[in-house]
N, C-alpha and C. Protein backbone atom coordinates (compact mmCIF):
# COMPACT_ATOMS: atom_id res chain seq x y z
N MET A 1 109.37 66.85 84.91
CA MET A 1 110.77 67.26 84.95
C MET A 1 110.89 68.53 85.78
N ILE A 2 111.83 68.52 86.67
CA ILE A 2 112.01 69.65 87.57
C ILE A 2 113.27 70.42 87.19
N ALA A 3 113.07 71.68 86.82
CA ALA A 3 114.22 72.51 86.46
C ALA A 3 115.02 72.88 87.70
N GLY A 4 114.31 73.12 88.80
CA GLY A 4 114.98 73.46 90.05
C GLY A 4 114.08 73.14 91.22
N GLU A 5 114.66 73.00 92.39
CA GLU A 5 113.87 72.61 93.55
C GLU A 5 113.53 73.82 94.42
N SER A 6 113.73 75.02 93.87
CA SER A 6 113.49 76.21 94.68
C SER A 6 112.02 76.35 95.05
N ASN A 7 111.11 75.83 94.21
CA ASN A 7 109.68 75.95 94.49
C ASN A 7 109.13 74.71 95.15
N PHE A 8 110.03 73.81 95.55
CA PHE A 8 109.60 72.56 96.14
C PHE A 8 110.11 72.43 97.56
N GLU A 9 109.31 71.78 98.38
CA GLU A 9 109.73 71.54 99.75
C GLU A 9 109.64 70.06 100.01
N LYS A 10 110.76 69.46 100.40
CA LYS A 10 110.75 68.03 100.66
C LYS A 10 110.01 67.76 101.96
N LEU A 11 109.05 66.85 101.89
CA LEU A 11 108.26 66.52 103.07
C LEU A 11 108.52 65.09 103.47
N SER A 12 108.72 64.88 104.74
CA SER A 12 108.97 63.54 105.23
C SER A 12 108.26 63.35 106.56
N ASP A 13 107.46 62.27 106.64
CA ASP A 13 106.75 61.96 107.88
C ASP A 13 105.86 63.11 108.34
N LYS A 14 105.26 63.81 107.37
CA LYS A 14 104.36 64.89 107.73
C LYS A 14 102.99 64.60 107.12
N TYR A 15 101.97 65.01 107.80
CA TYR A 15 100.61 64.84 107.30
C TYR A 15 100.09 66.21 106.89
N VAL A 16 100.22 66.51 105.61
CA VAL A 16 99.83 67.84 105.14
C VAL A 16 99.14 67.76 103.78
N THR A 17 98.34 68.76 103.50
CA THR A 17 97.80 68.94 102.16
C THR A 17 97.98 70.40 101.79
N TYR A 18 98.16 70.65 100.52
CA TYR A 18 98.28 72.03 100.07
C TYR A 18 97.05 72.36 99.26
N THR A 19 96.31 73.34 99.71
CA THR A 19 95.04 73.66 99.07
C THR A 19 95.01 75.10 98.60
N THR A 20 94.29 75.32 97.52
CA THR A 20 94.09 76.67 97.02
C THR A 20 92.60 76.91 96.86
N ILE A 21 92.05 77.80 97.66
CA ILE A 21 90.63 78.11 97.60
C ILE A 21 90.44 79.61 97.43
N ASP A 22 89.84 80.00 96.33
CA ASP A 22 89.59 81.42 96.05
C ASP A 22 90.87 82.24 96.14
N GLY A 23 91.96 81.66 95.67
CA GLY A 23 93.23 82.39 95.65
C GLY A 23 93.96 82.39 96.98
N LEU A 24 93.38 81.71 97.99
CA LEU A 24 94.05 81.66 99.28
C LEU A 24 94.79 80.33 99.43
N ASP A 25 96.07 80.41 99.70
CA ASP A 25 96.87 79.21 99.84
C ASP A 25 97.08 78.88 101.30
N GLY A 26 97.12 77.58 101.62
CA GLY A 26 97.37 77.22 103.00
C GLY A 26 97.62 75.74 103.15
N TRP A 27 98.28 75.40 104.23
CA TRP A 27 98.55 74.01 104.53
C TRP A 27 97.50 73.48 105.49
N SER A 28 97.05 72.25 105.24
CA SER A 28 96.04 71.65 106.11
C SER A 28 96.45 70.24 106.47
N ILE A 29 96.05 69.82 107.66
CA ILE A 29 96.34 68.46 108.07
C ILE A 29 95.39 67.51 107.35
N GLY A 30 95.89 66.40 106.86
CA GLY A 30 94.99 65.45 106.20
C GLY A 30 95.73 64.40 105.39
N LEU A 31 96.38 64.80 104.33
CA LEU A 31 97.00 63.84 103.43
C LEU A 31 98.44 63.57 103.84
N LYS A 32 98.78 62.28 103.94
CA LYS A 32 100.15 61.94 104.29
C LYS A 32 101.02 62.05 103.04
N VAL A 33 102.04 62.84 103.14
CA VAL A 33 102.97 63.03 102.03
C VAL A 33 104.32 62.47 102.45
N ASP A 34 104.77 61.44 101.77
CA ASP A 34 106.03 60.81 102.15
C ASP A 34 106.91 60.65 100.92
N SER A 35 108.14 61.13 101.00
CA SER A 35 109.09 61.03 99.90
C SER A 35 108.53 61.65 98.63
N LYS A 36 107.82 62.76 98.78
CA LYS A 36 107.29 63.47 97.62
C LYS A 36 107.62 64.94 97.76
N TYR A 37 107.46 65.65 96.67
CA TYR A 37 107.68 67.09 96.68
C TYR A 37 106.37 67.79 96.37
N VAL A 38 106.14 68.91 97.01
CA VAL A 38 104.92 69.66 96.77
C VAL A 38 105.28 71.00 96.14
N ASP A 39 104.71 71.27 94.96
CA ASP A 39 104.91 72.56 94.33
C ASP A 39 103.95 73.54 94.99
N LYS A 40 104.50 74.44 95.79
CA LYS A 40 103.65 75.32 96.58
C LYS A 40 102.99 76.39 95.72
N GLU A 41 103.48 76.60 94.49
CA GLU A 41 102.87 77.59 93.62
C GLU A 41 101.67 77.00 92.89
N LYS A 42 101.76 75.74 92.53
CA LYS A 42 100.70 75.10 91.75
C LYS A 42 99.85 74.15 92.59
N GLY A 43 100.34 73.83 93.79
CA GLY A 43 99.60 72.92 94.65
C GLY A 43 99.60 71.50 94.10
N VAL A 44 100.68 71.14 93.42
CA VAL A 44 100.76 69.82 92.80
C VAL A 44 101.75 68.95 93.56
N ILE A 45 101.33 67.73 93.86
CA ILE A 45 102.23 66.79 94.51
C ILE A 45 102.93 65.97 93.44
N VAL A 46 104.24 66.00 93.43
CA VAL A 46 105.02 65.30 92.42
C VAL A 46 105.78 64.15 93.06
N THR A 47 105.60 62.94 92.53
CA THR A 47 106.34 61.79 93.03
C THR A 47 107.64 61.68 92.26
N LEU A 48 108.76 61.66 92.99
CA LEU A 48 110.07 61.58 92.33
C LEU A 48 110.60 60.16 92.34
């Protein structure tokens, strides 16, 4: 359940992954995300 979409970015036709390594956040090319939302704080991909 999403209280708000302020922490989410809608991705369409983009090939990205959100990774967290040793506290460093960054976007990397790799996983195709289509019609999904990515929680950039938790690095979780949520299918709506």
